[in-house]
Amino acid sequence: MQKIKIVDVLSWMGMMFVLCAYFFNSLGYLSADTFLYPLLNLFGALFLSIDVFVKKSYASLALQMVWGGISLFAIAKILF
């Protein structure tokens, strides 16, 4: 039986954070102007980045870094 790795758990959590943010925003339950929306995207990108770094998928890593950077910009915009 294969052991569950922490990287795999984090990647699933990251995927769920990004999808939940998008899903609830699409339904109108979560505005992109709230603090929670970019926070979910930031942690989703961070957790997925760990997975793609370990698996040496550098194109996906670049995407997650940009996604996280956009999320940080959105959080800064909300806070300041």
PDB file of N, CA and C in Angstrom:
ATOM      1  N   MET A   1       0.840  -1.181   0.000  1.00  0.00           N
ATOM      2  CA  MET A   1       0.000   0.000   0.000  1.00  0.00           C
ATOM      3  C   MET A   1       0.888   1.249   0.000  1.00  0.00           C
ATOM      4  N   GLN A   2       0.535   2.200  -0.855  1.00  0.00           N
ATOM      5  CA  GLN A   2       1.329   3.413  -0.994  1.00  0.00           C
ATOM      6  C   GLN A   2       0.958   4.424   0.095  1.00  0.00           C
ATOM      7  N   LYS A   3       1.984   5.048   0.682  1.00  0.00           N
ATOM      8  CA  LYS A   3       1.746   6.064   1.695  1.00  0.00           C
ATOM      9  C   LYS A   3       1.349   7.375   1.034  1.00  0.00           C
ATOM     10  N   ILE A   4       0.499   8.108   1.700  1.00  0.00           N
ATOM     11  CA  ILE A   4       0.099   9.427   1.217  1.00  0.00           C
ATOM     12  C   ILE A   4       1.201  10.416   1.582  1.00  0.00           C
ATOM     13  N   LYS A   5       1.664  11.173   0.595  1.00  0.00           N
ATOM     14  CA  LYS A   5       2.724  12.143   0.819  1.00  0.00           C
ATOM     15  C   LYS A   5       2.100  13.509   1.104  1.00  0.00           C
ATOM     16  N   ILE A   6       2.773  14.293   1.937  1.00  0.00           N
ATOM     17  CA  ILE A   6       2.283  15.616   2.293  1.00  0.00           C
ATOM     18  C   ILE A   6       2.168  16.504   1.054  1.00  0.00           C
ATOM     19  N   VAL A   7       3.067  16.318   0.080  1.00  0.00           N
ATOM     20  CA  VAL A   7       3.018  17.109  -1.159  1.00  0.00           C
ATOM     21  C   VAL A   7       1.718  16.840  -1.912  1.00  0.00           C
ATOM     22  N   ASP A   8       1.289  15.585  -1.934  1.00  0.00           N
ATOM     23  CA  ASP A   8       0.043  15.237  -2.609  1.00  0.00           C
ATOM     24  C   ASP A   8      -1.160  15.849  -1.899  1.00  0.00           C
ATOM     25  N   VAL A   9      -1.144  15.831  -0.584  1.00  0.00           N
ATOM     26  CA  VAL A   9      -2.242  16.436   0.185  1.00  0.00           C
ATOM     27  C   VAL A   9      -2.289  17.940  -0.083  1.00  0.00           C
ATOM     28  N   LEU A  10      -1.135  18.594  -0.071  1.00  0.00           N
ATOM     29  CA  LEU A  10      -1.093  20.035  -0.332  1.00  0.00           C
ATOM     30  C   LEU A  10      -1.572  20.366  -1.740  1.00  0.00           C
ATOM     31  N   SER A  11      -1.215  19.542  -2.708  1.00  0.00           N
ATOM     32  CA  SER A  11      -1.653  19.828  -4.079  1.00  0.00           C
ATOM     33  C   SER A  11      -3.166  19.704  -4.210  1.00  0.00           C
ATOM     34  N   TRP A  12      -3.757  18.727  -3.556  1.00  0.00           N
ATOM     35  CA  TRP A  12      -5.215  18.597  -3.566  1.00  0.00           C
ATOM     36  C   TRP A  12      -5.876  19.774  -2.859  1.00  0.00           C
ATOM     37  N   MET A  13      -5.291  20.206  -1.756  1.00  0.00           N
ATOM     38  CA  MET A  13      -5.833  21.370  -1.047  1.00  0.00           C
ATOM     39  C   MET A  13      -5.728  22.620  -1.921  1.00  0.00           C
ATOM     40  N   GLY A  14      -4.587  22.802  -2.583  1.00  0.00           N
ATOM     41  CA  GLY A  14      -4.404  23.946  -3.464  1.00  0.00           C
ATOM     42  C   GLY A  14      -5.421  23.969  -4.588  1.00  0.00           C
ATOM     43  N   MET A  15      -5.627  22.822  -5.192  1.00  0.00           N
ATOM     44  CA  MET A  15      -6.615  22.714  -6.257  1.00  0.00           C
ATOM     45  C   MET A  15      -8.002  23.073  -5.751  1.00  0.00           C
ATOM     46  N   MET A  16      -8.362  22.600  -4.573  1.00  0.00           N
ATOM     47  CA  MET A  16      -9.680  22.895  -4.001  1.00  0.00           C
ATOM     48  C   MET A  16      -9.826  24.382  -3.677  1.00  0.00           C
ATOM     49  N   PHE A  17      -8.776  25.013  -3.154  1.00  0.00           N
ATOM     50  CA  PHE A  17      -8.842  26.449  -2.847  1.00  0.00           C
ATOM     51  C   PHE A  17      -9.119  27.259  -4.109  1.00  0.00           C
ATOM     52  N   VAL A  18      -8.371  26.976  -5.181  1.00  0.00           N
ATOM     53  CA  VAL A  18      -8.537  27.733  -6.430  1.00  0.00           C
ATOM     54  C   VAL A  18      -9.925  27.473  -7.022  1.00  0.00           C
ATOM     55  N   LEU A  19     -10.331  26.227  -7.067  1.00  0.00           N
ATOM     56  CA  LEU A  19     -11.640  25.906  -7.637  1.00  0.00           C
ATOM     57  C   LEU A  19     -12.786  26.461  -6.806  1.00  0.00           C
ATOM     58  N   CYS A  20     -12.670  26.417  -5.490  1.00  0.00           N
ATOM     59  CA  CYS A  20     -13.727  26.972  -4.635  1.00  0.00           C
ATOM     60  C   CYS A  20     -13.841  28.481  -4.813  1.00  0.00           C
ATOM     61  N   ALA A  21     -12.713  29.161  -4.896  1.00  0.00           N
ATOM     62  CA  ALA A  21     -12.733  30.610  -5.114  1.00  0.00           C
ATOM     63  C   ALA A  21     -13.444  30.922  -6.431  1.00  0.00           C
ATOM     64  N   TYR A  22     -13.081  30.221  -7.476  1.00  0.00           N
ATOM     65  CA  TYR A  22     -13.686  30.455  -8.793  1.00  0.00           C
ATOM     66  C   TYR A  22     -15.171  30.083  -8.788  1.00  0.00           C
ATOM     67  N   PHE A  23     -15.503  28.937  -8.218  1.00  0.00           N
ATOM     68  CA  PHE A  23     -16.882  28.461  -8.191  1.00  0.00           C
ATOM     69  C   PHE A  23     -17.794  29.426  -7.432  1.00  0.00           C
ATOM     70  N   PHE A  24     -17.391  29.816  -6.228  1.00  0.00           N
ATOM     71  CA  PHE A  24     -18.224  30.704  -5.432  1.00  0.00           C
ATOM     72  C   PHE A  24     -18.289  32.114  -6.014  1.00  0.00           C
ATOM     73  N   ASN A  25     -17.220  32.539  -6.679  1.00  0.00           N
ATOM     74  CA  ASN A  25     -17.263  33.820  -7.376  1.00  0.00           C
ATOM     75  C   ASN A  25     -18.218  33.751  -8.559  1.00  0.00           C
ATOM     76  N   SER A  26     -18.191  32.659  -9.292  1.00  0.00           N
ATOM     77  CA  SER A  26     -19.070  32.492 -10.452  1.00  0.00           C
ATOM     78  C   SER A  26     -20.533  32.465 -10.057  1.00  0.00           C
ATOM     79  N   LEU A  27     -20.820  31.915  -8.883  1.00  0.00           N
ATOM     80  CA  LEU A  27     -22.205  31.860  -8.401  1.00  0.00           C
ATOM     81  C   LEU A  27     -22.641  33.154  -7.726  1.00  0.00           C
ATOM     82  N   GLY A  28     -21.702  34.051  -7.499  1.00  0.00           N
ATOM     83  CA  GLY A  28     -22.039  35.319  -6.870  1.00  0.00           C
ATOM     84  C   GLY A  28     -21.993  35.291  -5.351  1.00  0.00           C
ATOM     85  N   TYR A  29     -21.491  34.204  -4.783  1.00  0.00           N
ATOM     86  CA  TYR A  29     -21.400  34.090  -3.322  1.00  0.00           C
ATOM     87  C   TYR A  29     -20.128  34.701  -2.756  1.00  0.00           C
ATOM     88  N   LEU A  30     -19.124  34.897  -3.599  1.00  0.00           N
ATOM     89  CA  LEU A  30     -17.838  35.408  -3.147  1.00  0.00           C
ATOM     90  C   LEU A  30     -17.336  36.427  -4.159  1.00  0.00           C
ATOM     91  N   SER A  31     -17.290  37.678  -3.734  1.00  0.00           N
ATOM     92  CA  SER A  31     -16.839  38.736  -4.624  1.00  0.00           C
ATOM     93  C   SER A  31     -15.314  38.742  -4.712  1.00  0.00           C
ATOM     94  N   ALA A  32     -14.804  39.079  -5.884  1.00  0.00           N
ATOM     95  CA  ALA A  32     -13.361  39.189  -6.066  1.00  0.00           C
ATOM     96  C   ALA A  32     -12.796  40.365  -5.276  1.00  0.00           C
ATOM     97  N   ASP A  33     -13.658  41.260  -4.813  1.00  0.00           N
ATOM     98  CA  ASP A  33     -13.217  42.421  -4.040  1.00  0.00           C
ATOM     99  C   ASP A  33     -13.028  42.121  -2.560  1.00  0.00           C
ATOM    100  N   THR A  34     -13.400  40.926  -2.133  1.00  0.00           N
ATOM    101  CA  THR A  34     -13.232  40.563  -0.728  1.00  0.00           C
ATOM    102  C   THR A  34     -11.813  40.063  -0.475  1.00  0.00           C
ATOM    103  N   PHE A  35     -11.435  40.036   0.777  1.00  0.00           N
ATOM    104  CA  PHE A  35     -10.109  39.555   1.169  1.00  0.00           C
ATOM    105  C   PHE A  35      -9.974  38.054   0.954  1.00  0.00           C
ATOM    106  N   LEU A  36     -11.064  37.319   1.110  1.00  0.00           N
ATOM    107  CA  LEU A  36     -11.033  35.860   1.034  1.00  0.00           C
ATOM    108  C   LEU A  36     -10.713  35.348  -0.373  1.00  0.00           C
ATOM    109  N   TYR A  37     -11.218  36.018  -1.390  1.00  0.00           N
ATOM    110  CA  TYR A  37     -11.022  35.547  -2.764  1.00  0.00           C
ATOM    111  C   TYR A  37      -9.538  35.485  -3.147  1.00  0.00           C
ATOM    112  N   PRO A  38      -8.779  36.578  -3.044  1.00  0.00           N
ATOM    113  CA  PRO A  38      -7.359  36.457  -3.391  1.00  0.00           C
ATOM    114  C   PRO A  38      -6.570  35.605  -2.397  1.00  0.00           C
ATOM    115  N   LEU A  39      -7.043  35.529  -1.160  1.00  0.00           N
ATOM    116  CA  LEU A  39      -6.366  34.685  -0.169  1.00  0.00           C
ATOM    117  C   LEU A  39      -6.476  33.211  -0.556  1.00  0.00           C
ATOM    118  N   LEU A  40      -7.654  32.784  -0.981  1.00  0.00           N
ATOM    119  CA  LEU A  40      -7.837  31.409  -1.455  1.00  0.00           C
ATOM    120  C   LEU A  40      -6.954  31.136  -2.670  1.00  0.00           C
ATOM    121  N   ASN A  41      -6.901  32.097  -3.586  1.00  0.00           N
ATOM    122  CA  ASN A  41      -6.052  31.933  -4.771  1.00  0.00           C
ATOM    123  C   ASN A  41      -4.578  31.907  -4.404  1.00  0.00           C
ATOM    124  N   LEU A  42      -4.177  32.725  -3.453  1.00  0.00           N
ATOM    125  CA  LEU A  42      -2.778  32.753  -3.027  1.00  0.00           C
ATOM    126  C   LEU A  42      -2.350  31.420  -2.434  1.00  0.00           C
ATOM    127  N   PHE A  43      -3.136  30.908  -1.491  1.00  0.00           N
ATOM    128  CA  PHE A  43      -2.781  29.631  -0.877  1.00  0.00           C
ATOM    129  C   PHE A  43      -2.912  28.477  -1.868  1.00  0.00           C
ATOM    130  N   GLY A  44      -3.889  28.566  -2.770  1.00  0.00           N
ATOM    131  CA  GLY A  44      -3.996  27.550  -3.822  1.00  0.00           C
ATOM    132  C   GLY A  44      -2.751  27.524  -4.680  1.00  0.00           C
ATOM    133  N   ALA A  45      -2.289  28.706  -5.089  1.00  0.00           N
ATOM    134  CA  ALA A  45      -1.085  28.792  -5.915  1.00  0.00           C
ATOM    135  C   ALA A  45       0.140  28.318  -5.143  1.00  0.00           C
ATOM    136  N   LEU A  46       0.229  28.690  -3.883  1.00  0.00           N
ATOM    137  CA  LEU A  46       1.373  28.279  -3.063  1.00  0.00           C
ATOM    138  C   LEU A  46       1.435  26.761  -2.922  1.00  0.00           C
ATOM    139  N   PHE A  47       0.321  26.152  -2.570  1.00  0.00           N
ATOM    140  CA  PHE A  47       0.301  24.705  -2.371  1.00  0.00           C
ATOM    141  C   PHE A  47       0.549  23.956  -3.681  1.00  0.00           C
ATOM    142  N   LEU A  48      -0.026  24.451  -4.775  1.00  0.00           N
ATOM    143  CA  LEU A  48       0.226  23.811  -6.070  1.00  0.00           C
ATOM    144  C   LEU A  48       1.665  24.013  -6.514  1.00  0.00           C
ATOM    145  N   SER A  49       2.261  25.147  -6.164  1.00  0.00           N
ATOM    146  CA  SER A  49       3.661  25.405  -6.513  1.00  0.00           C
ATOM    147  C   SER A  49       4.594  24.393  -5.878  1.00  0.00           C
ATOM    148  N   ILE A  50       4.308  24.020  -4.660  1.00  0.00           N
ATOM    149  CA  ILE A  50       5.140  23.027  -3.975  1.00  0.00           C
ATOM    150  C   ILE A  50       5.114  21.707  -4.747  1.00  0.00           C
ATOM    151  N   ASP A  51       3.932  21.310  -5.152  1.00  0.00           N
ATOM    152  CA  ASP A  51       3.781  20.055  -5.895  1.00  0.00           C
ATOM    153  C   ASP A  51       4.505  20.102  -7.233  1.00  0.00           C
ATOM    154  N   VAL A  52       4.303  21.162  -8.006  1.00  0.00           N
ATOM    155  CA  VAL A  52       4.917  21.208  -9.330  1.00  0.00           C
ATOM    156  C   VAL A  52       6.428  21.414  -9.247  1.00  0.00           C
ATOM    157  N   PHE A  53       6.909  22.048  -8.185  1.00  0.00           N
ATOM    158  CA  PHE A  53       8.354  22.170  -7.989  1.00  0.00           C
ATOM    159  C   PHE A  53       8.969  20.801  -7.729  1.00  0.00           C
ATOM    160  N   VAL A  54       8.345  20.035  -6.848  1.00  0.00           N
ATOM    161  CA  VAL A  54       8.850  18.695  -6.527  1.00  0.00           C
ATOM    162  C   VAL A  54       8.846  17.810  -7.776  1.00  0.00           C
ATOM    163  N   LYS A  55       7.817  17.962  -8.602  1.00  0.00           N
ATOM    164  CA  LYS A  55       7.702  17.134  -9.810  1.00  0.00           C
ATOM    165  C   LYS A  55       8.435  17.738 -11.005  1.00  0.00           C
ATOM    166  N   LYS A  56       9.121  18.864 -10.785  1.00  0.00           N
ATOM    167  CA  LYS A  56       9.934  19.535 -11.806  1.00  0.00           C
ATOM    168  C   LYS A  56       9.131  19.908 -13.042  1.00  0.00           C
ATOM    169  N   SER A  57       7.922  20.393 -12.814  1.00  0.00           N
ATOM    170  CA  SER A  57       7.078  20.901 -13.894  1.00  0.00           C
ATOM    171  C   SER A  57       7.182  22.419 -13.883  1.00  0.00           C
ATOM    172  N   TYR A  58       8.243  22.917 -14.510  1.00  0.00           N
ATOM    173  CA  TYR A  58       8.599  24.321 -14.359  1.00  0.00           C
ATOM    174  C   TYR A  58       7.640  25.282 -15.058  1.00  0.00           C
ATOM    175  N   ALA A  59       7.007  24.876 -16.135  1.00  0.00           N
ATOM    176  CA  ALA A  59       6.013  25.743 -16.779  1.00  0.00           C
ATOM    177  C   ALA A  59       4.822  25.948 -15.840  1.00  0.00           C
ATOM    178  N   SER A  60       4.394  24.882 -15.201  1.00  0.00           N
ATOM    179  CA  SER A  60       3.297  24.993 -14.228  1.00  0.00           C
ATOM    180  C   SER A  60       3.727  25.799 -13.011  1.00  0.00           C
ATOM    181  N   LEU A  61       4.985  25.661 -12.623  1.00  0.00           N
ATOM    182  CA  LEU A  61       5.506  26.446 -11.508  1.00  0.00           C
ATOM    183  C   LEU A  61       5.471  27.932 -11.844  1.00  0.00           C
ATOM    184  N   ALA A  62       5.860  28.290 -13.067  1.00  0.00           N
ATOM    185  CA  ALA A  62       5.814  29.687 -13.483  1.00  0.00           C
ATOM    186  C   ALA A  62       4.385  30.217 -13.448  1.00  0.00           C
ATOM    187  N   LEU A  63       3.438  29.409 -13.905  1.00  0.00           N
ATOM    188  CA  LEU A  63       2.031  29.808 -13.862  1.00  0.00           C
ATOM    189  C   LEU A  63       1.585  30.055 -12.432  1.00  0.00           C
ATOM    190  N   GLN A  64       1.929  29.157 -11.516  1.00  0.00           N
ATOM    191  CA  GLN A  64       1.521  29.309 -10.117  1.00  0.00           C
ATOM    192  C   GLN A  64       2.181  30.526  -9.470  1.00  0.00           C
ATOM    193  N   MET A  65       3.413  30.823  -9.858  1.00  0.00           N
ATOM    194  CA  MET A  65       4.084  31.997  -9.304  1.00  0.00           C
ATOM    195  C   MET A  65       3.391  33.280  -9.770  1.00  0.00           C
ATOM    196  N   VAL A  66       3.007  33.325 -11.035  1.00  0.00           N
ATOM    197  CA  VAL A  66       2.271  34.488 -11.541  1.00  0.00           C
ATOM    198  C   VAL A  66       0.915  34.582 -10.864  1.00  0.00           C
ATOM    199  N   TRP A  67       0.239  33.461 -10.731  1.00  0.00           N
ATOM    200  CA  TRP A  67      -1.072  33.415 -10.077  1.00  0.00           C
ATOM    201  C   TRP A  67      -0.956  33.923  -8.635  1.00  0.00           C
ATOM    202  N   GLY A  68       0.066  33.483  -7.936  1.00  0.00           N
ATOM    203  CA  GLY A  68       0.296  33.939  -6.564  1.00  0.00           C
ATOM    204  C   GLY A  68       0.646  35.418  -6.502  1.00  0.00           C
ATOM    205  N   GLY A  69       1.444  35.888  -7.475  1.00  0.00           N
ATOM    206  CA  GLY A  69       1.792  37.304  -7.521  1.00  0.00           C
ATOM    207  C   GLY A  69       0.580  38.188  -7.745  1.00  0.00           C
ATOM    208  N   ILE A  70      -0.305  37.769  -8.629  1.00  0.00           N
ATOM    209  CA  ILE A  70      -1.545  38.510  -8.862  1.00  0.00           C
ATOM    210  C   ILE A  70      -2.385  38.532  -7.586  1.00  0.00           C
ATOM    211  N   SER A  71      -2.424  37.403  -6.893  1.00  0.00           N
ATOM    212  CA  SER A  71      -3.177  37.332  -5.637  1.00  0.00           C
ATOM    213  C   SER A  71      -2.587  38.257  -4.585  1.00  0.00           C
ATOM    214  N   LEU A  72      -1.263  38.302  -4.490  1.00  0.00           N
ATOM    215  CA  LEU A  72      -0.622  39.220  -3.537  1.00  0.00           C
ATOM    216  C   LEU A  72      -0.929  40.676  -3.879  1.00  0.00           C
ATOM    217  N   PHE A  73      -0.909  41.004  -5.155  1.00  0.00           N
ATOM    218  CA  PHE A  73      -1.254  42.356  -5.590  1.00  0.00           C
ATOM    219  C   PHE A  73      -2.690  42.692  -5.191  1.00  0.00           C
ATOM    220  N   ALA A  74      -3.609  41.753  -5.400  1.00  0.00           N
ATOM    221  CA  ALA A  74      -5.019  41.979  -5.050  1.00  0.00           C
ATOM    222  C   ALA A  74      -5.198  42.151  -3.540  1.00  0.00           C
ATOM    223  N   ILE A  75      -4.463  41.370  -2.750  1.00  0.00           N
ATOM    224  CA  ILE A  75      -4.540  41.503  -1.288  1.00  0.00           C
ATOM    225  C   ILE A  75      -4.011  42.855  -0.865  1.00  0.00           C
ATOM    226  N   ALA A  76      -2.892  43.281  -1.432  1.00  0.00           N
ATOM    227  CA  ALA A  76      -2.325  44.593  -1.097  1.00  0.00           C
ATOM    228  C   ALA A  76      -3.289  45.710  -1.474  1.00  0.00           C
ATOM    229  N   LYS A  77      -3.949  45.571  -2.599  1.00  0.00           N
ATOM    230  CA  LYS A  77      -4.921  46.571  -3.051  1.00  0.00           C
ATOM    231  C   LYS A  77      -6.081  46.681  -2.067  1.00  0.00           C
ATOM    232  N   ILE A  78      -6.521  45.544  -1.556  1.00  0.00           N
ATOM    233  CA  ILE A  78      -7.630  45.531  -0.591  1.00  0.00           C
ATOM    234  C   ILE A  78      -7.193  46.135   0.747  1.00  0.00           C
ATOM    235  N   LEU A  79      -5.999  45.794   1.187  1.00  0.00           N
ATOM    236  CA  LEU A  79      -5.537  46.241   2.495  1.00  0.00           C
ATOM    237  C   LEU A  79      -5.083  47.708   2.500  1.00  0.00           C
ATOM    238  N   PHE A  80      -4.539  48.170   1.407  1.00  0.00           N
ATOM    239  CA  PHE A  80      -3.995  49.527   1.379  1.00  0.00           C
ATOM    240  C   PHE A  80      -4.756  50.347   0.385  1.00  0.00           C
TER     241      PHE A  80
END
